[in-house]
Amino acid sequence: MANFKIKLEILESRCRSGYCKKGDVFILENDICPPICAELWNCIYPYVFALQNGAVLDDGDAKSKSFTAKCPDEERVIIRGEVIEK
């Protein structure tokens, strides 16, 4: 199993709950939820899991070891995840 580290960065935030602030960075070495809301985690977890296990994701017309996602609450938070190379 590859188990790559993933960097999550909050690019924009209008978070109602105050969990996410612009510029927050979380490094994931396993699939334990970082201190973000469950709704956002549920949206990004499939991407995180895939990247941790060596996947390359579609990124428009290209392929990438990263993703950008928006919060399901009116897109109030924009988060970017990317593999940190070993």
PDB file of N, CA and C in Angstrom:
ATOM      1  N   MET A   1       0.843  -1.185   0.000  1.00  0.00           N
ATOM      2  CA  MET A   1       0.000   0.000   0.000  1.00  0.00           C
ATOM      3  C   MET A   1       0.881   1.240   0.000  1.00  0.00           C
ATOM      4  N   ALA A   2       0.553   2.202  -0.866  1.00  0.00           N
ATOM      5  CA  ALA A   2       1.391   3.386  -1.055  1.00  0.00           C
ATOM      6  C   ALA A   2       1.390   4.300   0.158  1.00  0.00           C
ATOM      7  N   ASN A   3       0.204   4.690   0.630  1.00  0.00           N
ATOM      8  CA  ASN A   3       0.032   5.546   1.804  1.00  0.00           C
ATOM      9  C   ASN A   3       0.841   6.849   1.750  1.00  0.00           C
ATOM     10  N   PHE A   4       0.561   7.649   0.733  1.00  0.00           N
ATOM     11  CA  PHE A   4       1.197   8.952   0.579  1.00  0.00           C
ATOM     12  C   PHE A   4       0.618   9.962   1.572  1.00  0.00           C
ATOM     13  N   LYS A   5       1.431  10.958   1.940  1.00  0.00           N
ATOM     14  CA  LYS A   5       0.946  12.068   2.762  1.00  0.00           C
ATOM     15  C   LYS A   5       0.175  13.035   1.870  1.00  0.00           C
ATOM     16  N   ILE A   6      -0.881  13.623   2.430  1.00  0.00           N
ATOM     17  CA  ILE A   6      -1.705  14.576   1.696  1.00  0.00           C
ATOM     18  C   ILE A   6      -1.716  15.908   2.442  1.00  0.00           C
ATOM     19  N   LYS A   7      -1.495  16.975   1.687  1.00  0.00           N
ATOM     20  CA  LYS A   7      -1.586  18.330   2.234  1.00  0.00           C
ATOM     21  C   LYS A   7      -2.944  18.892   1.838  1.00  0.00           C
ATOM     22  N   LEU A   8      -3.696  19.358   2.829  1.00  0.00           N
ATOM     23  CA  LEU A   8      -4.963  20.041   2.591  1.00  0.00           C
ATOM     24  C   LEU A   8      -4.783  21.507   2.945  1.00  0.00           C
ATOM     25  N   GLU A   9      -5.202  22.395   2.059  1.00  0.00           N
ATOM     26  CA  GLU A   9      -5.085  23.839   2.313  1.00  0.00           C
ATOM     27  C   GLU A   9      -6.420  24.515   2.027  1.00  0.00           C
ATOM     28  N   ILE A  10      -6.842  25.352   2.958  1.00  0.00           N
ATOM     29  CA  ILE A  10      -8.067  26.118   2.780  1.00  0.00           C
ATOM     30  C   ILE A  10      -7.731  27.351   1.940  1.00  0.00           C
ATOM     31  N   LEU A  11      -8.298  27.422   0.725  1.00  0.00           N
ATOM     32  CA  LEU A  11      -8.007  28.527  -0.187  1.00  0.00           C
ATOM     33  C   LEU A  11      -8.918  29.729   0.051  1.00  0.00           C
ATOM     34  N   GLU A  12     -10.170  29.463   0.346  1.00  0.00           N
ATOM     35  CA  GLU A  12     -11.151  30.509   0.628  1.00  0.00           C
ATOM     36  C   GLU A  12     -12.074  30.002   1.725  1.00  0.00           C
ATOM     37  N   SER A  13     -12.586  30.898   2.571  1.00  0.00           N
ATOM     38  CA  SER A  13     -13.492  30.449   3.621  1.00  0.00           C
ATOM     39  C   SER A  13     -14.467  31.538   4.047  1.00  0.00           C
ATOM     40  N   ARG A  14     -15.715  31.136   4.054  1.00  0.00           N
ATOM     41  CA  ARG A  14     -16.795  31.889   4.677  1.00  0.00           C
ATOM     42  C   ARG A  14     -17.558  30.892   5.558  1.00  0.00           C
ATOM     43  N   CYS A  15     -16.818  30.052   6.248  1.00  0.00           N
ATOM     44  CA  CYS A  15     -17.354  28.940   7.027  1.00  0.00           C
ATOM     45  C   CYS A  15     -18.271  29.436   8.144  1.00  0.00           C
ATOM     46  N   ARG A  16     -19.503  28.945   8.150  1.00  0.00           N
ATOM     47  CA  ARG A  16     -20.463  29.355   9.188  1.00  0.00           C
ATOM     48  C   ARG A  16     -20.064  28.848  10.566  1.00  0.00           C
ATOM     49  N   SER A  17     -19.457  27.661  10.603  1.00  0.00           N
ATOM     50  CA  SER A  17     -19.139  27.046  11.895  1.00  0.00           C
ATOM     51  C   SER A  17     -17.787  27.485  12.443  1.00  0.00           C
ATOM     52  N   GLY A  18     -16.981  28.137  11.628  1.00  0.00           N
ATOM     53  CA  GLY A  18     -15.679  28.601  12.090  1.00  0.00           C
ATOM     54  C   GLY A  18     -14.589  27.545  12.068  1.00  0.00           C
ATOM     55  N   TYR A  19     -14.870  26.363  11.517  1.00  0.00           N
ATOM     56  CA  TYR A  19     -13.852  25.312  11.451  1.00  0.00           C
ATOM     57  C   TYR A  19     -12.700  25.696  10.531  1.00  0.00           C
ATOM     58  N   CYS A  20     -13.016  26.255   9.380  1.00  0.00           N
ATOM     59  CA  CYS A  20     -12.015  26.506   8.353  1.00  0.00           C
ATOM     60  C   CYS A  20     -11.726  27.991   8.225  1.00  0.00           C
ATOM     61  N   LYS A  21     -10.447  28.302   8.177  1.00  0.00           N
ATOM     62  CA  LYS A  21     -10.012  29.676   7.964  1.00  0.00           C
ATOM     63  C   LYS A  21      -9.042  29.685   6.787  1.00  0.00           C
ATOM     64  N   LYS A  22      -9.155  30.710   5.962  1.00  0.00           N
ATOM     65  CA  LYS A  22      -8.267  30.826   4.805  1.00  0.00           C
ATOM     66  C   LYS A  22      -6.818  30.700   5.260  1.00  0.00           C
ATOM     67  N   GLY A  23      -6.065  29.860   4.564  1.00  0.00           N
ATOM     68  CA  GLY A  23      -4.657  29.645   4.891  1.00  0.00           C
ATOM     69  C   GLY A  23      -4.393  28.462   5.804  1.00  0.00           C
ATOM     70  N   ASP A  24      -5.444  27.902   6.428  1.00  0.00           N
ATOM     71  CA  ASP A  24      -5.243  26.699   7.248  1.00  0.00           C
ATOM     72  C   ASP A  24      -4.643  25.591   6.396  1.00  0.00           C
ATOM     73  N   VAL A  25      -3.691  24.859   6.960  1.00  0.00           N
ATOM     74  CA  VAL A  25      -3.052  23.730   6.278  1.00  0.00           C
ATOM     75  C   VAL A  25      -3.068  22.542   7.221  1.00  0.00           C
ATOM     76  N   PHE A  26      -3.430  21.390   6.673  1.00  0.00           N
ATOM     77  CA  PHE A  26      -3.436  20.135   7.423  1.00  0.00           C
ATOM     78  C   PHE A  26      -2.649  19.104   6.626  1.00  0.00           C
ATOM     79  N   ILE A  27      -1.783  18.361   7.296  1.00  0.00           N
ATOM     80  CA  ILE A  27      -1.029  17.285   6.668  1.00  0.00           C
ATOM     81  C   ILE A  27      -1.607  15.970   7.178  1.00  0.00           C
ATOM     82  N   LEU A  28      -2.068  15.139   6.243  1.00  0.00           N
ATOM     83  CA  LEU A  28      -2.663  13.857   6.610  1.00  0.00           C
ATOM     84  C   LEU A  28      -1.686  12.737   6.306  1.00  0.00           C
ATOM     85  N   GLU A  29      -1.365  11.967   7.337  1.00  0.00           N
ATOM     86  CA  GLU A  29      -0.517  10.795   7.158  1.00  0.00           C
ATOM     87  C   GLU A  29      -1.344   9.522   7.244  1.00  0.00           C
ATOM     88  N   ASN A  30      -2.623   9.667   7.530  1.00  0.00           N
ATOM     89  CA  ASN A  30      -3.575   8.568   7.555  1.00  0.00           C
ATOM     90  C   ASN A  30      -4.926   9.167   7.170  1.00  0.00           C
ATOM     91  N   ASP A  31      -5.984   8.404   7.293  1.00  0.00           N
ATOM     92  CA  ASP A  31      -7.275   8.937   6.838  1.00  0.00           C
ATOM     93  C   ASP A  31      -8.150   9.445   7.980  1.00  0.00           C
ATOM     94  N   ILE A  32      -7.530   9.854   9.079  1.00  0.00           N
ATOM     95  CA  ILE A  32      -8.276  10.425  10.190  1.00  0.00           C
ATOM     96  C   ILE A  32      -8.688  11.847   9.818  1.00  0.00           C
ATOM     97  N   CYS A  33      -9.939  12.171  10.088  1.00  0.00           N
ATOM     98  CA  CYS A  33     -10.484  13.478   9.722  1.00  0.00           C
ATOM     99  C   CYS A  33      -9.730  14.611  10.416  1.00  0.00           C
ATOM    100  N   PRO A  34      -9.253  15.597   9.644  1.00  0.00           N
ATOM    101  CA  PRO A  34      -8.649  16.782  10.256  1.00  0.00           C
ATOM    102  C   PRO A  34      -9.752  17.631  10.885  1.00  0.00           C
ATOM    103  N   PRO A  35      -9.406  18.703  11.573  1.00  0.00           N
ATOM    104  CA  PRO A  35     -10.428  19.537  12.230  1.00  0.00           C
ATOM    105  C   PRO A  35     -11.215  20.399  11.241  1.00  0.00           C
ATOM    106  N   ILE A  36     -11.972  19.723  10.383  1.00  0.00           N
ATOM    107  CA  ILE A  36     -12.905  20.388   9.482  1.00  0.00           C
ATOM    108  C   ILE A  36     -14.274  19.761   9.732  1.00  0.00           C
ATOM    109  N   CYS A  37     -15.327  20.380   9.225  1.00  0.00           N
ATOM    110  CA  CYS A  37     -16.665  19.845   9.472  1.00  0.00           C
ATOM    111  C   CYS A  37     -16.876  18.522   8.733  1.00  0.00           C
ATOM    112  N   ALA A  38     -17.781  17.736   9.242  1.00  0.00           N
ATOM    113  CA  ALA A  38     -18.065  16.420   8.675  1.00  0.00           C
ATOM    114  C   ALA A  38     -18.587  16.515   7.244  1.00  0.00           C
ATOM    115  N   GLU A  39     -19.356  17.548   6.941  1.00  0.00           N
ATOM    116  CA  GLU A  39     -19.914  17.687   5.607  1.00  0.00           C
ATOM    117  C   GLU A  39     -18.807  17.869   4.562  1.00  0.00           C
ATOM    118  N   LEU A  40     -17.840  18.735   4.856  1.00  0.00           N
ATOM    119  CA  LEU A  40     -16.730  18.939   3.923  1.00  0.00           C
ATOM    120  C   LEU A  40     -15.874  17.687   3.839  1.00  0.00           C
ATOM    121  N   TRP A  41     -15.597  17.059   4.983  1.00  0.00           N
ATOM    122  CA  TRP A  41     -14.792  15.826   4.991  1.00  0.00           C
ATOM    123  C   TRP A  41     -15.462  14.740   4.155  1.00  0.00           C
ATOM    124  N   ASN A  42     -16.776  14.608   4.279  1.00  0.00           N
ATOM    125  CA  ASN A  42     -17.484  13.599   3.488  1.00  0.00           C
ATOM    126  C   ASN A  42     -17.344  13.858   1.992  1.00  0.00           C
ATOM    127  N   CYS A  43     -17.263  15.116   1.596  1.00  0.00           N
ATOM    128  CA  CYS A  43     -17.097  15.454   0.184  1.00  0.00           C
ATOM    129  C   CYS A  43     -15.697  15.127  -0.328  1.00  0.00           C
ATOM    130  N   ILE A  44     -14.687  15.384   0.479  1.00  0.00           N
ATOM    131  CA  ILE A  44     -13.308  15.241  -0.012  1.00  0.00           C
ATOM    132  C   ILE A  44     -12.681  13.894   0.305  1.00  0.00           C
ATOM    133  N   TYR A  45     -13.247  13.132   1.235  1.00  0.00           N
ATOM    134  CA  TYR A  45     -12.611  11.878   1.644  1.00  0.00           C
ATOM    135  C   TYR A  45     -12.321  10.926   0.481  1.00  0.00           C
ATOM    136  N   PRO A  46     -13.229  10.732  -0.474  1.00  0.00           N
ATOM    137  CA  PRO A  46     -12.889   9.826  -1.581  1.00  0.00           C
ATOM    138  C   PRO A  46     -11.629  10.252  -2.339  1.00  0.00           C
ATOM    139  N   TYR A  47     -11.441  11.563  -2.519  1.00  0.00           N
ATOM    140  CA  TYR A  47     -10.241  12.060  -3.188  1.00  0.00           C
ATOM    141  C   TYR A  47      -9.003  11.830  -2.320  1.00  0.00           C
ATOM    142  N   VAL A  48      -9.115  12.131  -1.036  1.00  0.00           N
ATOM    143  CA  VAL A  48      -8.001  11.925  -0.104  1.00  0.00           C
ATOM    144  C   VAL A  48      -7.584  10.460  -0.108  1.00  0.00           C
ATOM    145  N   PHE A  49      -8.550   9.562   0.030  1.00  0.00           N
ATOM    146  CA  PHE A  49      -8.267   8.128   0.066  1.00  0.00           C
ATOM    147  C   PHE A  49      -7.586   7.681  -1.232  1.00  0.00           C
ATOM    148  N   ALA A  50      -8.112   8.139  -2.353  1.00  0.00           N
ATOM    149  CA  ALA A  50      -7.530   7.758  -3.641  1.00  0.00           C
ATOM    150  C   ALA A  50      -6.082   8.240  -3.757  1.00  0.00           C
ATOM    151  N   LEU A  51      -5.842   9.500  -3.406  1.00  0.00           N
ATOM    152  CA  LEU A  51      -4.480  10.037  -3.492  1.00  0.00           C
ATOM    153  C   LEU A  51      -3.531   9.341  -2.529  1.00  0.00           C
ATOM    154  N   GLN A  52      -3.998   9.034  -1.327  1.00  0.00           N
ATOM    155  CA  GLN A  52      -3.151   8.335  -0.360  1.00  0.00           C
ATOM    156  C   GLN A  52      -2.699   6.973  -0.883  1.00  0.00           C
ATOM    157  N   ASN A  53      -3.482   6.430  -1.778  1.00  0.00           N
ATOM    158  CA  ASN A  53      -3.193   5.099  -2.295  1.00  0.00           C
ATOM    159  C   ASN A  53      -2.655   5.109  -3.728  1.00  0.00           C
ATOM    160  N   GLY A  54      -2.108   6.260  -4.138  1.00  0.00           N
ATOM    161  CA  GLY A  54      -1.372   6.336  -5.389  1.00  0.00           C
ATOM    162  C   GLY A  54      -2.158   6.724  -6.623  1.00  0.00           C
ATOM    163  N   ALA A  55      -3.408   7.132  -6.487  1.00  0.00           N
ATOM    164  CA  ALA A  55      -4.210   7.496  -7.656  1.00  0.00           C
ATOM    165  C   ALA A  55      -3.733   8.807  -8.278  1.00  0.00           C
ATOM    166  N   VAL A  56      -4.036   8.954  -9.548  1.00  0.00           N
ATOM    167  CA  VAL A  56      -3.866  10.200 -10.279  1.00  0.00           C
ATOM    168  C   VAL A  56      -5.262  10.578 -10.743  1.00  0.00           C
ATOM    169  N   LEU A  57      -5.702  11.790 -10.423  1.00  0.00           N
ATOM    170  CA  LEU A  57      -7.081  12.221 -10.657  1.00  0.00           C
ATOM    171  C   LEU A  57      -7.211  13.075 -11.911  1.00  0.00           C
ATOM    172  N   ASP A  58      -8.416  13.085 -12.493  1.00  0.00           N
ATOM    173  CA  ASP A  58      -8.702  13.979 -13.607  1.00  0.00           C
ATOM    174  C   ASP A  58      -8.705  15.422 -13.107  1.00  0.00           C
ATOM    175  N   ASP A  59      -8.094  16.301 -13.878  1.00  0.00           N
ATOM    176  CA  ASP A  59      -8.050  17.722 -13.549  1.00  0.00           C
ATOM    177  C   ASP A  59      -8.267  18.496 -14.841  1.00  0.00           C
ATOM    178  N   GLY A  60      -9.528  18.607 -15.245  1.00  0.00           N
ATOM    179  CA  GLY A  60      -9.821  19.212 -16.542  1.00  0.00           C
ATOM    180  C   GLY A  60      -9.347  18.288 -17.643  1.00  0.00           C
ATOM    181  N   ASP A  61      -8.496  18.784 -18.519  1.00  0.00           N
ATOM    182  CA  ASP A  61      -7.951  17.976 -19.608  1.00  0.00           C
ATOM    183  C   ASP A  61      -6.665  17.247 -19.220  1.00  0.00           C
ATOM    184  N   ALA A  62      -6.227  17.430 -17.994  1.00  0.00           N
ATOM    185  CA  ALA A  62      -4.970  16.843 -17.542  1.00  0.00           C
ATOM    186  C   ALA A  62      -5.212  15.835 -16.421  1.00  0.00           C
ATOM    187  N   LYS A  63      -4.156  15.224 -15.964  1.00  0.00           N
ATOM    188  CA  LYS A  63      -4.176  14.337 -14.809  1.00  0.00           C
ATOM    189  C   LYS A  63      -3.310  14.979 -13.728  1.00  0.00           C
ATOM    190  N   SER A  64      -3.671  14.753 -12.454  1.00  0.00           N
ATOM    191  CA  SER A  64      -2.961  15.426 -11.371  1.00  0.00           C
ATOM    192  C   SER A  64      -3.041  14.604 -10.089  1.00  0.00           C
ATOM    193  N   LYS A  65      -2.058  14.781  -9.230  1.00  0.00           N
ATOM    194  CA  LYS A  65      -2.080  14.185  -7.898  1.00  0.00           C
ATOM    195  C   LYS A  65      -2.609  15.210  -6.908  1.00  0.00           C
ATOM    196  N   SER A  66      -3.714  15.873  -7.307  1.00  0.00           N
ATOM    197  CA  SER A  66      -4.310  16.908  -6.474  1.00  0.00           C
ATOM    198  C   SER A  66      -5.786  17.054  -6.832  1.00  0.00           C
ATOM    199  N   PHE A  67      -6.490  17.821  -6.006  1.00  0.00           N
ATOM    200  CA  PHE A  67      -7.889  18.126  -6.273  1.00  0.00           C
ATOM    201  C   PHE A  67      -8.230  19.460  -5.630  1.00  0.00           C
ATOM    202  N   THR A  68      -9.275  20.079  -6.125  1.00  0.00           N
ATOM    203  CA  THR A  68      -9.865  21.256  -5.507  1.00  0.00           C
ATOM    204  C   THR A  68     -11.344  20.959  -5.345  1.00  0.00           C
ATOM    205  N   ALA A  69     -11.892  21.245  -4.160  1.00  0.00           N
ATOM    206  CA  ALA A  69     -13.298  20.955  -3.888  1.00  0.00           C
ATOM    207  C   ALA A  69     -13.929  22.131  -3.158  1.00  0.00           C
ATOM    208  N   LYS A  70     -15.261  22.187  -3.231  1.00  0.00           N
ATOM    209  CA  LYS A  70     -16.014  23.251  -2.580  1.00  0.00           C
ATOM    210  C   LYS A  70     -16.964  22.650  -1.557  1.00  0.00           C
ATOM    211  N   CYS A  71     -17.158  23.368  -0.482  1.00  0.00           N
ATOM    212  CA  CYS A  71     -18.062  22.969   0.585  1.00  0.00           C
ATOM    213  C   CYS A  71     -19.481  22.799   0.038  1.00  0.00           C
ATOM    214  N   PRO A  72     -20.219  21.791   0.527  1.00  0.00           N
ATOM    215  CA  PRO A  72     -21.597  21.627   0.076  1.00  0.00           C
ATOM    216  C   PRO A  72     -22.541  22.702   0.615  1.00  0.00           C
ATOM    217  N   ASP A  73     -22.098  23.490   1.579  1.00  0.00           N
ATOM    218  CA  ASP A  73     -22.909  24.577   2.136  1.00  0.00           C
ATOM    219  C   ASP A  73     -22.671  25.842   1.313  1.00  0.00           C
ATOM    220  N   GLU A  74     -23.314  25.927   0.174  1.00  0.00           N
ATOM    221  CA  GLU A  74     -23.227  27.099  -0.707  1.00  0.00           C
ATOM    222  C   GLU A  74     -21.793  27.436  -1.112  1.00  0.00           C
ATOM    223  N   GLU A  75     -20.949  26.422  -1.179  1.00  0.00           N
ATOM    224  CA  GLU A  75     -19.551  26.590  -1.612  1.00  0.00           C
ATOM    225  C   GLU A  75     -18.794  27.609  -0.771  1.00  0.00           C
ATOM    226  N   ARG A  76     -19.079  27.621   0.518  1.00  0.00           N
ATOM    227  CA  ARG A  76     -18.490  28.609   1.428  1.00  0.00           C
ATOM    228  C   ARG A  76     -17.007  28.381   1.689  1.00  0.00           C
ATOM    229  N   VAL A  77     -16.535  27.162   1.473  1.00  0.00           N
ATOM    230  CA  VAL A  77     -15.123  26.849   1.684  1.00  0.00           C
ATOM    231  C   VAL A  77     -14.587  26.203   0.410  1.00  0.00           C
ATOM    232  N   ILE A  78     -13.404  26.622  -0.013  1.00  0.00           N
ATOM    233  CA  ILE A  78     -12.709  25.989  -1.124  1.00  0.00           C
ATOM    234  C   ILE A  78     -11.433  25.392  -0.549  1.00  0.00           C
ATOM    235  N   ILE A  79     -11.237  24.106  -0.809  1.00  0.00           N
ATOM    236  CA  ILE A  79     -10.103  23.380  -0.247  1.00  0.00           C
ATOM    237  C   ILE A  79      -9.321  22.711  -1.362  1.00  0.00           C
ATOM    238  N   ARG A  80      -8.019  22.688  -1.225  1.00  0.00           N
ATOM    239  CA  ARG A  80      -7.146  22.011  -2.196  1.00  0.00           C
ATOM    240  C   ARG A  80      -6.392  20.923  -1.466  1.00  0.00           C
ATOM    241  N   GLY A  81      -6.341  19.776  -2.080  1.00  0.00           N
ATOM    242  CA  GLY A  81      -5.570  18.662  -1.556  1.00  0.00           C
ATOM    243  C   GLY A  81      -4.530  18.237  -2.562  1.00  0.00           C
ATOM    244  N   GLU A  82      -3.360  17.879  -2.079  1.00  0.00           N
ATOM    245  CA  GLU A  82      -2.304  17.422  -2.986  1.00  0.00           C
ATOM    246  C   GLU A  82      -1.370  16.444  -2.295  1.00  0.00           C
ATOM    247  N   VAL A  83      -0.800  15.558  -3.076  1.00  0.00           N
ATOM    248  CA  VAL A  83       0.158  14.598  -2.559  1.00  0.00           C
ATOM    249  C   VAL A  83       1.449  15.320  -2.215  1.00  0.00           C
ATOM    250  N   ILE A  84       2.008  14.980  -1.073  1.00  0.00           N
ATOM    251  CA  ILE A  84       3.351  15.447  -0.715  1.00  0.00           C
ATOM    252  C   ILE A  84       4.295  14.309  -1.087  1.00  0.00           C
ATOM    253  N   GLU A  85       5.143  14.542  -2.038  1.00  0.00           N
ATOM    254  CA  GLU A  85       6.045  13.488  -2.514  1.00  0.00           C
ATOM    255  C   GLU A  85       6.967  13.015  -1.405  1.00  0.00           C
ATOM    256  N   LYS A  86       7.237  11.732  -1.444  1.00  0.00           N
ATOM    257  CA  LYS A  86       8.103  11.129  -0.425  1.00  0.00           C
ATOM    258  C   LYS A  86       9.533  11.536  -0.632  1.00  0.00           C
TER     259      LYS A  86
END
